[in-house]
Structures are given as structure tokens and as C-alpha cells.
Amino acid sequence: MNELKSIRFNKDGDYGNKIFIANSTKEPETFKLLENFYKQLQKKYPDQFLPIYCNNKHKYATIRFKVEKKFRKNDIYDIEFVIKKKIDGNKTYINCYLEKAKLIKRAEEEDEGEVLNLE
């Protein structure tokens, strides 16, 4: 089982994924771990869509999970997860499964602005 400390929930993905993000300046230790996981997966499965992504140019890394749990944007969690490989016919799928998420810090409420009614 893998563990990441102090990772921010970013958003709900397009296909029901929960996406967490680490920035190299705000969460350097978590970023380094995700970067390491990404490099290992990319080396072993270069042609696969991977659930972990790292962008060194923009200094962020993400991890996505298929899970039916609710999270709030920018809340900080400690998470435990496993990475599994599944072969279905001639396709290989790599997925991350969230085992445990512990809320560490609530994010400040965002000011979403005022609704404008245009005529």
C-alpha cells in the first residue's frame, strides 16, 4: 500500500474520477513521491493512460481515483492507496484505488462571485 501526506483535492474529473494535486513548491515531498511513481509507471507502461501524471514544466503532479466519496476543493488529505494492473484481452489498464482518506485541513471558503442576471 502507498501513502501520500498532505495532498490537495483538486476536482471531480470528466469520467467520475476524483483528482488530487501536488505542487512542487506548496507540497514538495508529495510532489516528489508522485513524480517517482509516474516515472516508474511511464517506464513500464509507456503507451497506457496512467492514473498518475507529472508535469515538471508547470511543477505539478496529479493522481486520480475512481471512488464514490465526496471531497471539497482544496481540502488537504492524507491518503492510502494501491495501484493495480488489469489485463483484459490485449489491453492493459492501470488504476489507483483509494483505500483511506483522512481530512487534515479544510480549505478556506472560496468567493464564487455574484450572479449576474443579463437581459
PDB file of N, CA and C in Angstrom:
ATOM      1  N   MET A   1       0.845  -1.177   0.000  1.00  0.00           N
ATOM      2  CA  MET A   1       0.000   0.000   0.000  1.00  0.00           C
ATOM      3  C   MET A   1       0.894   1.246   0.000  1.00  0.00           C
ATOM      4  N   ASN A   2       0.459   2.249  -0.734  1.00  0.00           N
ATOM      5  CA  ASN A   2       1.190   3.507  -0.838  1.00  0.00           C
ATOM      6  C   ASN A   2       0.491   4.577  -0.005  1.00  0.00           C
ATOM      7  N   GLU A   3       1.267   5.574   0.403  1.00  0.00           N
ATOM      8  CA  GLU A   3       0.719   6.641   1.235  1.00  0.00           C
ATOM      9  C   GLU A   3       1.239   7.990   0.744  1.00  0.00           C
ATOM     10  N   LEU A   4       0.348   8.974   0.730  1.00  0.00           N
ATOM     11  CA  LEU A   4       0.727  10.352   0.417  1.00  0.00           C
ATOM     12  C   LEU A   4       0.217  11.243   1.535  1.00  0.00           C
ATOM     13  N   LYS A   5       1.086  12.088   2.028  1.00  0.00           N
ATOM     14  CA  LYS A   5       0.733  13.024   3.104  1.00  0.00           C
ATOM     15  C   LYS A   5       0.474  14.398   2.500  1.00  0.00           C
ATOM     16  N   SER A   6      -0.542  15.047   3.024  1.00  0.00           N
ATOM     17  CA  SER A   6      -0.847  16.438   2.670  1.00  0.00           C
ATOM     18  C   SER A   6      -0.995  16.659   1.167  1.00  0.00           C
ATOM     19  N   ILE A   7      -1.990  16.010   0.592  1.00  0.00           N
ATOM     20  CA  ILE A   7      -2.289  16.213  -0.824  1.00  0.00           C
ATOM     21  C   ILE A   7      -3.652  16.886  -0.933  1.00  0.00           C
ATOM     22  N   ARG A   8      -3.750  17.848  -1.863  1.00  0.00           N
ATOM     23  CA  ARG A   8      -4.981  18.628  -2.029  1.00  0.00           C
ATOM     24  C   ARG A   8      -5.936  17.956  -3.002  1.00  0.00           C
ATOM     25  N   PHE A   9      -7.228  17.968  -2.626  1.00  0.00           N
ATOM     26  CA  PHE A   9      -8.231  17.544  -3.601  1.00  0.00           C
ATOM     27  C   PHE A   9      -8.403  18.672  -4.597  1.00  0.00           C
ATOM     28  N   ASN A  10      -8.337  18.339  -5.896  1.00  0.00           N
ATOM     29  CA  ASN A  10      -8.413  19.355  -6.938  1.00  0.00           C
ATOM     30  C   ASN A  10      -9.803  19.457  -7.541  1.00  0.00           C
ATOM     31  N   LYS A  11     -10.331  18.321  -8.050  1.00  0.00           N
ATOM     32  CA  LYS A  11     -11.629  18.389  -8.725  1.00  0.00           C
ATOM     33  C   LYS A  11     -12.155  16.998  -9.034  1.00  0.00           C
ATOM     34  N   ASP A  12     -13.438  16.980  -9.436  1.00  0.00           N
ATOM     35  CA  ASP A  12     -14.035  15.774  -9.987  1.00  0.00           C
ATOM     36  C   ASP A  12     -13.687  15.743 -11.470  1.00  0.00           C
ATOM     37  N   GLY A  13     -13.154  14.635 -11.938  1.00  0.00           N
ATOM     38  CA  GLY A  13     -12.778  14.513 -13.343  1.00  0.00           C
ATOM     39  C   GLY A  13     -13.974  14.272 -14.242  1.00  0.00           C
ATOM     40  N   ASP A  14     -13.718  14.249 -15.535  1.00  0.00           N
ATOM     41  CA  ASP A  14     -14.779  14.091 -16.533  1.00  0.00           C
ATOM     42  C   ASP A  14     -15.475  12.734 -16.475  1.00  0.00           C
ATOM     43  N   TYR A  15     -14.805  11.714 -16.032  1.00  0.00           N
ATOM     44  CA  TYR A  15     -15.368  10.365 -16.029  1.00  0.00           C
ATOM     45  C   TYR A  15     -15.596   9.818 -14.628  1.00  0.00           C
ATOM     46  N   GLY A  16     -15.919  10.702 -13.690  1.00  0.00           N
ATOM     47  CA  GLY A  16     -16.207  10.281 -12.324  1.00  0.00           C
ATOM     48  C   GLY A  16     -14.982  10.073 -11.461  1.00  0.00           C
ATOM     49  N   ASN A  17     -13.810  10.455 -11.963  1.00  0.00           N
ATOM     50  CA  ASN A  17     -12.591  10.331 -11.165  1.00  0.00           C
ATOM     51  C   ASN A  17     -12.485  11.469 -10.164  1.00  0.00           C
ATOM     52  N   LYS A  18     -11.858  11.197  -9.048  1.00  0.00           N
ATOM     53  CA  LYS A  18     -11.509  12.223  -8.069  1.00  0.00           C
ATOM     54  C   LYS A  18     -10.028  12.507  -8.275  1.00  0.00           C
ATOM     55  N   ILE A  19      -9.703  13.777  -8.524  1.00  0.00           N
ATOM     56  CA  ILE A  19      -8.330  14.143  -8.865  1.00  0.00           C
ATOM     57  C   ILE A  19      -7.706  14.956  -7.733  1.00  0.00           C
ATOM     58  N   PHE A  20      -6.568  14.481  -7.261  1.00  0.00           N
ATOM     59  CA  PHE A  20      -5.785  15.152  -6.231  1.00  0.00           C
ATOM     60  C   PHE A  20      -4.541  15.731  -6.887  1.00  0.00           C
ATOM     61  N   ILE A  21      -4.020  16.831  -6.333  1.00  0.00           N
ATOM     62  CA  ILE A  21      -2.901  17.526  -6.951  1.00  0.00           C
ATOM     63  C   ILE A  21      -1.848  17.902  -5.916  1.00  0.00           C
ATOM     64  N   ALA A  22      -0.595  17.893  -6.344  1.00  0.00           N
ATOM     65  CA  ALA A  22       0.519  18.360  -5.513  1.00  0.00           C
ATOM     66  C   ALA A  22       1.365  19.293  -6.355  1.00  0.00           C
ATOM     67  N   ASN A  23       1.749  20.402  -5.772  1.00  0.00           N
ATOM     68  CA  ASN A  23       2.581  21.403  -6.422  1.00  0.00           C
ATOM     69  C   ASN A  23       3.994  21.270  -5.862  1.00  0.00           C
ATOM     70  N   SER A  24       4.992  21.469  -6.709  1.00  0.00           N
ATOM     71  CA  SER A  24       6.368  21.266  -6.256  1.00  0.00           C
ATOM     72  C   SER A  24       6.818  22.298  -5.220  1.00  0.00           C
ATOM     73  N   THR A  25       6.162  23.459  -5.164  1.00  0.00           N
ATOM     74  CA  THR A  25       6.543  24.455  -4.156  1.00  0.00           C
ATOM     75  C   THR A  25       5.682  24.359  -2.902  1.00  0.00           C
ATOM     76  N   LYS A  26       4.379  24.073  -3.056  1.00  0.00           N
ATOM     77  CA  LYS A  26       3.487  24.004  -1.890  1.00  0.00           C
ATOM     78  C   LYS A  26       3.569  22.661  -1.172  1.00  0.00           C
ATOM     79  N   GLU A  27       3.709  21.592  -1.926  1.00  0.00           N
ATOM     80  CA  GLU A  27       3.760  20.235  -1.353  1.00  0.00           C
ATOM     81  C   GLU A  27       4.937  19.467  -1.961  1.00  0.00           C
ATOM     82  N   PRO A  28       6.171  19.891  -1.688  1.00  0.00           N
ATOM     83  CA  PRO A  28       7.327  19.303  -2.379  1.00  0.00           C
ATOM     84  C   PRO A  28       7.537  17.806  -2.134  1.00  0.00           C
ATOM     85  N   GLU A  29       7.297  17.336  -0.919  1.00  0.00           N
ATOM     86  CA  GLU A  29       7.508  15.910  -0.633  1.00  0.00           C
ATOM     87  C   GLU A  29       6.489  15.051  -1.378  1.00  0.00           C
ATOM     88  N   THR A  30       5.243  15.479  -1.358  1.00  0.00           N
ATOM     89  CA  THR A  30       4.190  14.741  -2.052  1.00  0.00           C
ATOM     90  C   THR A  30       4.427  14.780  -3.559  1.00  0.00           C
ATOM     91  N   PHE A  31       4.830  15.942  -4.063  1.00  0.00           N
ATOM     92  CA  PHE A  31       5.145  16.074  -5.486  1.00  0.00           C
ATOM     93  C   PHE A  31       6.245  15.090  -5.878  1.00  0.00           C
ATOM     94  N   LYS A  32       7.305  15.007  -5.095  1.00  0.00           N
ATOM     95  CA  LYS A  32       8.430  14.110  -5.409  1.00  0.00           C
ATOM     96  C   LYS A  32       7.989  12.648  -5.447  1.00  0.00           C
ATOM     97  N   LEU A  33       7.131  12.255  -4.492  1.00  0.00           N
ATOM     98  CA  LEU A  33       6.632  10.879  -4.493  1.00  0.00           C
ATOM     99  C   LEU A  33       5.806  10.598  -5.746  1.00  0.00           C
ATOM    100  N   LEU A  34       4.899  11.508  -6.091  1.00  0.00           N
ATOM    101  CA  LEU A  34       4.085  11.315  -7.294  1.00  0.00           C
ATOM    102  C   LEU A  34       4.956  11.299  -8.549  1.00  0.00           C
ATOM    103  N   GLU A  35       5.944  12.161  -8.582  1.00  0.00           N
ATOM    104  CA  GLU A  35       6.867  12.195  -9.722  1.00  0.00           C
ATOM    105  C   GLU A  35       7.583  10.844  -9.866  1.00  0.00           C
ATOM    106  N   ASN A  36       8.022  10.289  -8.754  1.00  0.00           N
ATOM    107  CA  ASN A  36       8.691   8.995  -8.756  1.00  0.00           C
ATOM    108  C   ASN A  36       7.746   7.882  -9.234  1.00  0.00           C
ATOM    109  N   PHE A  37       6.518   7.856  -8.707  1.00  0.00           N
ATOM    110  CA  PHE A  37       5.531   6.851  -9.136  1.00  0.00           C
ATOM    111  C   PHE A  37       5.264   6.980 -10.636  1.00  0.00           C
ATOM    112  N   TYR A  38       5.099   8.214 -11.096  1.00  0.00           N
ATOM    113  CA  TYR A  38       4.814   8.471 -12.513  1.00  0.00           C
ATOM    114  C   TYR A  38       5.950   7.954 -13.399  1.00  0.00           C
ATOM    115  N   LYS A  39       7.183   8.249 -13.037  1.00  0.00           N
ATOM    116  CA  LYS A  39       8.327   7.814 -13.836  1.00  0.00           C
ATOM    117  C   LYS A  39       8.396   6.294 -13.924  1.00  0.00           C
ATOM    118  N   GLN A  40       8.125   5.617 -12.798  1.00  0.00           N
ATOM    119  CA  GLN A  40       8.143   4.153 -12.801  1.00  0.00           C
ATOM    120  C   GLN A  40       7.054   3.588 -13.711  1.00  0.00           C
ATOM    121  N   LEU A  41       5.835   4.150 -13.584  1.00  0.00           N
ATOM    122  CA  LEU A  41       4.723   3.665 -14.407  1.00  0.00           C
ATOM    123  C   LEU A  41       4.958   3.976 -15.880  1.00  0.00           C
ATOM    124  N   GLN A  42       5.436   5.161 -16.158  1.00  0.00           N
ATOM    125  CA  GLN A  42       5.671   5.565 -17.544  1.00  0.00           C
ATOM    126  C   GLN A  42       6.729   4.676 -18.211  1.00  0.00           C
ATOM    127  N   LYS A  43       7.733   4.297 -17.447  1.00  0.00           N
ATOM    128  CA  LYS A  43       8.785   3.429 -17.974  1.00  0.00           C
ATOM    129  C   LYS A  43       8.239   2.031 -18.298  1.00  0.00           C
ATOM    130  N   LYS A  44       7.400   1.490 -17.399  1.00  0.00           N
ATOM    131  CA  LYS A  44       6.856   0.137 -17.589  1.00  0.00           C
ATOM    132  C   LYS A  44       5.703   0.093 -18.586  1.00  0.00           C
ATOM    133  N   TYR A  45       4.900   1.162 -18.633  1.00  0.00           N
ATOM    134  CA  TYR A  45       3.684   1.180 -19.460  1.00  0.00           C
ATOM    135  C   TYR A  45       3.631   2.477 -20.288  1.00  0.00           C
ATOM    136  N   PRO A  46       4.555   2.645 -21.235  1.00  0.00           N
ATOM    137  CA  PRO A  46       4.668   3.923 -21.949  1.00  0.00           C
ATOM    138  C   PRO A  46       3.465   4.267 -22.831  1.00  0.00           C
ATOM    139  N   ASP A  47       2.708   3.276 -23.257  1.00  0.00           N
ATOM    140  CA  ASP A  47       1.580   3.536 -24.167  1.00  0.00           C
ATOM    141  C   ASP A  47       0.223   3.512 -23.472  1.00  0.00           C
ATOM    142  N   GLN A  48       0.222   3.487 -22.150  1.00  0.00           N
ATOM    143  CA  GLN A  48      -1.031   3.400 -21.394  1.00  0.00           C
ATOM    144  C   GLN A  48      -1.446   4.760 -20.847  1.00  0.00           C
ATOM    145  N   PHE A  49      -2.756   4.941 -20.679  1.00  0.00           N
ATOM    146  CA  PHE A  49      -3.239   6.099 -19.944  1.00  0.00           C
ATOM    147  C   PHE A  49      -2.971   5.801 -18.473  1.00  0.00           C
ATOM    148  N   LEU A  50      -2.245   6.669 -17.812  1.00  0.00           N
ATOM    149  CA  LEU A  50      -1.835   6.422 -16.427  1.00  0.00           C
ATOM    150  C   LEU A  50      -2.645   7.271 -15.457  1.00  0.00           C
ATOM    151  N   PRO A  51      -2.963   6.733 -14.285  1.00  0.00           N
ATOM    152  CA  PRO A  51      -3.739   7.480 -13.289  1.00  0.00           C
ATOM    153  C   PRO A  51      -2.898   8.499 -12.517  1.00  0.00           C
ATOM    154  N   ILE A  52      -1.605   8.476 -12.717  1.00  0.00           N
ATOM    155  CA  ILE A  52      -0.695   9.444 -12.099  1.00  0.00           C
ATOM    156  C   ILE A  52      -0.019  10.208 -13.237  1.00  0.00           C
ATOM    157  N   TYR A  53       0.030  11.512 -13.077  1.00  0.00           N
ATOM    158  CA  TYR A  53       0.624  12.366 -14.112  1.00  0.00           C
ATOM    159  C   TYR A  53       1.522  13.395 -13.450  1.00  0.00           C
ATOM    160  N   CYS A  54       2.631  13.708 -14.087  1.00  0.00           N
ATOM    161  CA  CYS A  54       3.558  14.714 -13.564  1.00  0.00           C
ATOM    162  C   CYS A  54       3.966  15.648 -14.695  1.00  0.00           C
ATOM    163  N   ASN A  55       3.921  16.946 -14.416  1.00  0.00           N
ATOM    164  CA  ASN A  55       4.347  17.953 -15.380  1.00  0.00           C
ATOM    165  C   ASN A  55       5.403  18.824 -14.708  1.00  0.00           C
ATOM    166  N   ASN A  56       6.658  18.570 -15.010  1.00  0.00           N
ATOM    167  CA  ASN A  56       7.757  19.315 -14.377  1.00  0.00           C
ATOM    168  C   ASN A  56       7.823  20.762 -14.851  1.00  0.00           C
ATOM    169  N   LYS A  57       7.436  20.999 -16.094  1.00  0.00           N
ATOM    170  CA  LYS A  57       7.456  22.368 -16.604  1.00  0.00           C
ATOM    171  C   LYS A  57       6.527  23.276 -15.792  1.00  0.00           C
ATOM    172  N   HIS A  58       5.334  22.776 -15.495  1.00  0.00           N
ATOM    173  CA  HIS A  58       4.359  23.559 -14.730  1.00  0.00           C
ATOM    174  C   HIS A  58       4.367  23.222 -13.237  1.00  0.00           C
ATOM    175  N   LYS A  59       5.244  22.317 -12.847  1.00  0.00           N
ATOM    176  CA  LYS A  59       5.516  21.987 -11.448  1.00  0.00           C
ATOM    177  C   LYS A  59       4.315  21.461 -10.667  1.00  0.00           C
ATOM    178  N   TYR A  60       3.601  20.499 -11.264  1.00  0.00           N
ATOM    179  CA  TYR A  60       2.511  19.858 -10.544  1.00  0.00           C
ATOM    180  C   TYR A  60       2.440  18.384 -10.925  1.00  0.00           C
ATOM    181  N   ALA A  61       1.799  17.617 -10.051  1.00  0.00           N
ATOM    182  CA  ALA A  61       1.554  16.201 -10.303  1.00  0.00           C
ATOM    183  C   ALA A  61       0.151  15.885  -9.803  1.00  0.00           C
ATOM    184  N   THR A  62      -0.519  14.970 -10.489  1.00  0.00           N
ATOM    185  CA  THR A  62      -1.878  14.590 -10.101  1.00  0.00           C
ATOM    186  C   THR A  62      -1.991  13.080  -9.976  1.00  0.00           C
ATOM    187  N   ILE A  63      -2.985  12.679  -9.199  1.00  0.00           N
ATOM    188  CA  ILE A  63      -3.347  11.270  -9.082  1.00  0.00           C
ATOM    189  C   ILE A  63      -4.864  11.208  -9.082  1.00  0.00           C
ATOM    190  N   ARG A  64      -5.407  10.220  -9.787  1.00  0.00           N
ATOM    191  CA  ARG A  64      -6.866  10.107  -9.901  1.00  0.00           C
ATOM    192  C   ARG A  64      -7.353   8.745  -9.429  1.00  0.00           C
ATOM    193  N   PHE A  65      -8.530   8.778  -8.820  1.00  0.00           N
ATOM    194  CA  PHE A  65      -9.152   7.567  -8.273  1.00  0.00           C
ATOM    195  C   PHE A  65     -10.594   7.480  -8.731  1.00  0.00           C
ATOM    196  N   LYS A  66     -11.063   6.272  -8.958  1.00  0.00           N
ATOM    197  CA  LYS A  66     -12.489   6.059  -9.143  1.00  0.00           C
ATOM    198  C   LYS A  66     -13.040   5.686  -7.773  1.00  0.00           C
ATOM    199  N   VAL A  67     -13.807   6.602  -7.202  1.00  0.00           N
ATOM    200  CA  VAL A  67     -14.338   6.382  -5.858  1.00  0.00           C
ATOM    201  C   VAL A  67     -15.610   7.211  -5.714  1.00  0.00           C
ATOM    202  N   GLU A  68     -16.561   6.726  -4.949  1.00  0.00           N
ATOM    203  CA  GLU A  68     -17.852   7.403  -4.777  1.00  0.00           C
ATOM    204  C   GLU A  68     -17.894   8.279  -3.533  1.00  0.00           C
ATOM    205  N   LYS A  69     -16.771   8.755  -3.091  1.00  0.00           N
ATOM    206  CA  LYS A  69     -16.701   9.591  -1.901  1.00  0.00           C
ATOM    207  C   LYS A  69     -16.719  11.061  -2.311  1.00  0.00           C
ATOM    208  N   LYS A  70     -17.291  11.914  -1.460  1.00  0.00           N
ATOM    209  CA  LYS A  70     -17.321  13.355  -1.734  1.00  0.00           C
ATOM    210  C   LYS A  70     -16.110  14.027  -1.095  1.00  0.00           C
ATOM    211  N   PHE A  71     -15.507  14.938  -1.844  1.00  0.00           N
ATOM    212  CA  PHE A  71     -14.390  15.735  -1.366  1.00  0.00           C
ATOM    213  C   PHE A  71     -14.680  17.193  -1.702  1.00  0.00           C
ATOM    214  N   ARG A  72     -14.071  18.097  -0.949  1.00  0.00           N
ATOM    215  CA  ARG A  72     -14.255  19.528  -1.202  1.00  0.00           C
ATOM    216  C   ARG A  72     -12.960  20.118  -1.754  1.00  0.00           C
ATOM    217  N   LYS A  73     -13.098  20.960  -2.778  1.00  0.00           N
ATOM    218  CA  LYS A  73     -11.951  21.548  -3.478  1.00  0.00           C
ATOM    219  C   LYS A  73     -10.967  22.194  -2.503  1.00  0.00           C
ATOM    220  N   ASN A  74      -9.694  21.854  -2.693  1.00  0.00           N
ATOM    221  CA  ASN A  74      -8.542  22.378  -1.949  1.00  0.00           C
ATOM    222  C   ASN A  74      -8.424  21.910  -0.501  1.00  0.00           C
ATOM    223  N   ASP A  75      -9.306  21.020  -0.045  1.00  0.00           N
ATOM    224  CA  ASP A  75      -9.098  20.412   1.271  1.00  0.00           C
ATOM    225  C   ASP A  75      -7.850  19.527   1.190  1.00  0.00           C
ATOM    226  N   ILE A  76      -7.139  19.420   2.307  1.00  0.00           N
ATOM    227  CA  ILE A  76      -5.891  18.655   2.370  1.00  0.00           C
ATOM    228  C   ILE A  76      -6.158  17.307   3.052  1.00  0.00           C
ATOM    229  N   TYR A  77      -5.633  16.239   2.444  1.00  0.00           N
ATOM    230  CA  TYR A  77      -5.841  14.883   2.949  1.00  0.00           C
ATOM    231  C   TYR A  77      -4.524  14.126   3.065  1.00  0.00           C
ATOM    232  N   ASP A  78      -4.491  13.158   3.964  1.00  0.00           N
ATOM    233  CA  ASP A  78      -3.503  12.094   3.944  1.00  0.00           C
ATOM    234  C   ASP A  78      -4.240  10.911   3.337  1.00  0.00           C
ATOM    235  N   ILE A  79      -3.649  10.276   2.336  1.00  0.00           N
ATOM    236  CA  ILE A  79      -4.350   9.178   1.672  1.00  0.00           C
ATOM    237  C   ILE A  79      -3.490   7.922   1.614  1.00  0.00           C
ATOM    238  N   GLU A  80      -4.170   6.791   1.594  1.00  0.00           N
ATOM    239  CA  GLU A  80      -3.541   5.490   1.371  1.00  0.00           C
ATOM    240  C   GLU A  80      -4.217   4.876   0.159  1.00  0.00           C
ATOM    241  N   PHE A  81      -3.422   4.264  -0.726  1.00  0.00           N
ATOM    242  CA  PHE A  81      -3.975   3.732  -1.957  1.00  0.00           C
ATOM    243  C   PHE A  81      -3.126   2.584  -2.486  1.00  0.00           C
ATOM    244  N   VAL A  82      -3.705   1.848  -3.423  1.00  0.00           N
ATOM    245  CA  VAL A  82      -2.969   0.799  -4.130  1.00  0.00           C
ATOM    246  C   VAL A  82      -3.061   1.081  -5.624  1.00  0.00           C
ATOM    247  N   ILE A  83      -2.058   0.616  -6.340  1.00  0.00           N
ATOM    248  CA  ILE A  83      -2.029   0.721  -7.795  1.00  0.00           C
ATOM    249  C   ILE A  83      -2.136  -0.699  -8.334  1.00  0.00           C
ATOM    250  N   LYS A  84      -3.100  -0.911  -9.249  1.00  0.00           N
ATOM    251  CA  LYS A  84      -3.309  -2.254  -9.787  1.00  0.00           C
ATOM    252  C   LYS A  84      -3.245  -2.249 -11.307  1.00  0.00           C
ATOM    253  N   LYS A  85      -2.766  -3.368 -11.835  1.00  0.00           N
ATOM    254  CA  LYS A  85      -2.740  -3.586 -13.275  1.00  0.00           C
ATOM    255  C   LYS A  85      -3.767  -4.660 -13.601  1.00  0.00           C
ATOM    256  N   LYS A  86      -4.579  -4.401 -14.638  1.00  0.00           N
ATOM    257  CA  LYS A  86      -5.568  -5.379 -15.076  1.00  0.00           C
ATOM    258  C   LYS A  86      -5.384  -5.583 -16.573  1.00  0.00           C
ATOM    259  N   ILE A  87      -5.340  -6.840 -16.984  1.00  0.00           N
ATOM    260  CA  ILE A  87      -5.237  -7.160 -18.411  1.00  0.00           C
ATOM    261  C   ILE A  87      -6.575  -7.716 -18.854  1.00  0.00           C
ATOM    262  N   ASP A  88      -7.142  -7.090 -19.891  1.00  0.00           N
ATOM    263  CA  ASP A  88      -8.434  -7.506 -20.437  1.00  0.00           C
ATOM    264  C   ASP A  88      -8.234  -7.716 -21.929  1.00  0.00           C
ATOM    265  N   GLY A  89      -8.131  -8.968 -22.312  1.00  0.00           N
ATOM    266  CA  GLY A  89      -7.830  -9.274 -23.709  1.00  0.00           C
ATOM    267  C   GLY A  89      -6.420  -8.811 -24.039  1.00  0.00           C
ATOM    268  N   ASN A  90      -6.306  -7.903 -25.000  1.00  0.00           N
ATOM    269  CA  ASN A  90      -4.978  -7.398 -25.352  1.00  0.00           C
ATOM    270  C   ASN A  90      -4.745  -5.988 -24.813  1.00  0.00           C
ATOM    271  N   LYS A  91      -5.592  -5.510 -23.901  1.00  0.00           N
ATOM    272  CA  LYS A  91      -5.434  -4.178 -23.305  1.00  0.00           C
ATOM    273  C   LYS A  91      -5.002  -4.297 -21.848  1.00  0.00           C
ATOM    274  N   THR A  92      -4.137  -3.378 -21.448  1.00  0.00           N
ATOM    275  CA  THR A  92      -3.682  -3.308 -20.062  1.00  0.00           C
ATOM    276  C   THR A  92      -4.213  -2.019 -19.461  1.00  0.00           C
ATOM    277  N   TYR A  93      -4.786  -2.136 -18.263  1.00  0.00           N
ATOM    278  CA  TYR A  93      -5.315  -0.977 -17.561  1.00  0.00           C
ATOM    279  C   TYR A  93      -4.567  -0.805 -16.244  1.00  0.00           C
ATOM    280  N   ILE A  94      -4.173   0.428 -15.965  1.00  0.00           N
ATOM    281  CA  ILE A  94      -3.515   0.763 -14.710  1.00  0.00           C
ATOM    282  C   ILE A  94      -4.463   1.692 -13.958  1.00  0.00           C
ATOM    283  N   ASN A  95      -4.819   1.321 -12.727  1.00  0.00           N
ATOM    284  CA  ASN A  95      -5.739   2.133 -11.927  1.00  0.00           C
ATOM    285  C   ASN A  95      -5.229   2.279 -10.502  1.00  0.00           C
ATOM    286  N   CYS A  96      -5.610   3.400  -9.887  1.00  0.00           N
ATOM    287  CA  CYS A  96      -5.325   3.631  -8.475  1.00  0.00           C
ATOM    288  C   CYS A  96      -6.618   3.489  -7.698  1.00  0.00           C
ATOM    289  N   TYR A  97      -6.543   2.812  -6.572  1.00  0.00           N
ATOM    290  CA  TYR A  97      -7.716   2.587  -5.727  1.00  0.00           C
ATOM    291  C   TYR A  97      -7.466   3.201  -4.355  1.00  0.00           C
ATOM    292  N   LEU A  98      -8.330   4.119  -3.991  1.00  0.00           N
ATOM    293  CA  LEU A  98      -8.222   4.813  -2.716  1.00  0.00           C
ATOM    294  C   LEU A  98      -8.694   3.889  -1.599  1.00  0.00           C
ATOM    295  N   GLU A  99      -7.829   3.634  -0.638  1.00  0.00           N
ATOM    296  CA  GLU A  99      -8.164   2.778   0.496  1.00  0.00           C
ATOM    297  C   GLU A  99      -8.617   3.601   1.701  1.00  0.00           C
ATOM    298  N   LYS A 100      -7.976   4.759   1.898  1.00  0.00           N
ATOM    299  CA  LYS A 100      -8.273   5.573   3.076  1.00  0.00           C
ATOM    300  C   LYS A 100      -7.932   7.027   2.772  1.00  0.00           C
ATOM    301  N   ALA A 101      -8.808   7.943   3.210  1.00  0.00           N
ATOM    302  CA  ALA A 101      -8.551   9.379   3.075  1.00  0.00           C
ATOM    303  C   ALA A 101      -8.894  10.044   4.398  1.00  0.00           C
ATOM    304  N   LYS A 102      -7.911  10.690   4.991  1.00  0.00           N
ATOM    305  CA  LYS A 102      -8.109  11.366   6.269  1.00  0.00           C
ATOM    306  C   LYS A 102      -7.975  12.872   6.046  1.00  0.00           C
ATOM    307  N   LEU A 103      -9.037  13.608   6.370  1.00  0.00           N
ATOM    308  CA  LEU A 103      -9.021  15.054   6.223  1.00  0.00           C
ATOM    309  C   LEU A 103      -8.031  15.647   7.222  1.00  0.00           C
ATOM    310  N   ILE A 104      -7.100  16.450   6.719  1.00  0.00           N
ATOM    311  CA  ILE A 104      -6.081  17.084   7.556  1.00  0.00           C
ATOM    312  C   ILE A 104      -6.401  18.552   7.788  1.00  0.00           C
ATOM    313  N   LYS A 105      -6.861  19.231   6.724  1.00  0.00           N
ATOM    314  CA  LYS A 105      -7.130  20.663   6.841  1.00  0.00           C
ATOM    315  C   LYS A 105      -8.209  21.073   5.843  1.00  0.00           C
ATOM    316  N   ARG A 106      -9.185  21.820   6.338  1.00  0.00           N
ATOM    317  CA  ARG A 106     -10.223  22.367   5.476  1.00  0.00           C
ATOM    318  C   ARG A 106      -9.688  23.593   4.745  1.00  0.00           C
ATOM    319  N   ALA A 107     -10.044  23.728   3.482  1.00  0.00           N
ATOM    320  CA  ALA A 107      -9.669  24.907   2.704  1.00  0.00           C
ATOM    321  C   ALA A 107     -10.587  26.064   3.079  1.00  0.00           C
ATOM    322  N   GLU A 108     -10.073  27.265   2.923  1.00  0.00           N
ATOM    323  CA  GLU A 108     -10.909  28.433   3.152  1.00  0.00           C
ATOM    324  C   GLU A 108     -11.991  28.474   2.085  1.00  0.00           C
ATOM    325  N   GLU A 109     -13.167  28.989   2.465  1.00  0.00           N
ATOM    326  CA  GLU A 109     -14.267  29.099   1.519  1.00  0.00           C
ATOM    327  C   GLU A 109     -13.876  30.051   0.395  1.00  0.00           C
ATOM    328  N   GLU A 110     -14.188  29.645  -0.834  1.00  0.00           N
ATOM    329  CA  GLU A 110     -13.901  30.491  -1.983  1.00  0.00           C
ATOM    330  C   GLU A 110     -15.054  31.445  -2.228  1.00  0.00           C
ATOM    331  N   ASP A 111     -14.752  32.672  -2.588  1.00  0.00           N
ATOM    332  CA  ASP A 111     -15.763  33.624  -3.006  1.00  0.00           C
ATOM    333  C   ASP A 111     -16.048  33.342  -4.471  1.00  0.00           C
ATOM    334  N   GLU A 112     -17.219  32.784  -4.748  1.00  0.00           N
ATOM    335  CA  GLU A 112     -17.547  32.403  -6.115  1.00  0.00           C
ATOM    336  C   GLU A 112     -18.115  33.564  -6.921  1.00  0.00           C
ATOM    337  N   GLY A 113     -18.280  34.717  -6.290  1.00  0.00           N
ATOM    338  CA  GLY A 113     -18.746  35.883  -7.017  1.00  0.00           C
ATOM    339  C   GLY A 113     -20.263  36.013  -7.014  1.00  0.00           C
ATOM    340  N   GLU A 114     -20.696  37.098  -7.580  1.00  0.00           N
ATOM    341  CA  GLU A 114     -22.109  37.444  -7.631  1.00  0.00           C
ATOM    342  C   GLU A 114     -22.708  36.980  -8.965  1.00  0.00           C
ATOM    343  N   VAL A 115     -23.922  36.436  -8.915  1.00  0.00           N
ATOM    344  CA  VAL A 115     -24.609  36.006 -10.128  1.00  0.00           C
ATOM    345  C   VAL A 115     -25.098  37.240 -10.877  1.00  0.00           C
ATOM    346  N   LEU A 116     -24.789  37.316 -12.148  1.00  0.00           N
ATOM    347  CA  LEU A 116     -25.237  38.421 -12.979  1.00  0.00           C
ATOM    348  C   LEU A 116     -26.443  37.975 -13.810  1.00  0.00           C
ATOM    349  N   ASN A 117     -27.518  38.705 -13.716  1.00  0.00           N
ATOM    350  CA  ASN A 117     -28.717  38.428 -14.494  1.00  0.00           C
ATOM    351  C   ASN A 117     -28.750  39.374 -15.684  1.00  0.00           C
ATOM    352  N   LEU A 118     -28.500  38.840 -16.856  1.00  0.00           N
ATOM    353  CA  LEU A 118     -28.469  39.665 -18.058  1.00  0.00           C
ATOM    354  C   LEU A 118     -29.793  39.532 -18.806  1.00  0.00           C
ATOM    355  N   GLU A 119     -30.191  40.643 -19.409  1.00  0.00           N
ATOM    356  CA  GLU A 119     -31.468  40.635 -20.156  1.00  0.00           C
ATOM    357  C   GLU A 119     -31.227  40.736 -21.639  1.00  0.00           C
TER     358      GLU A 119
END
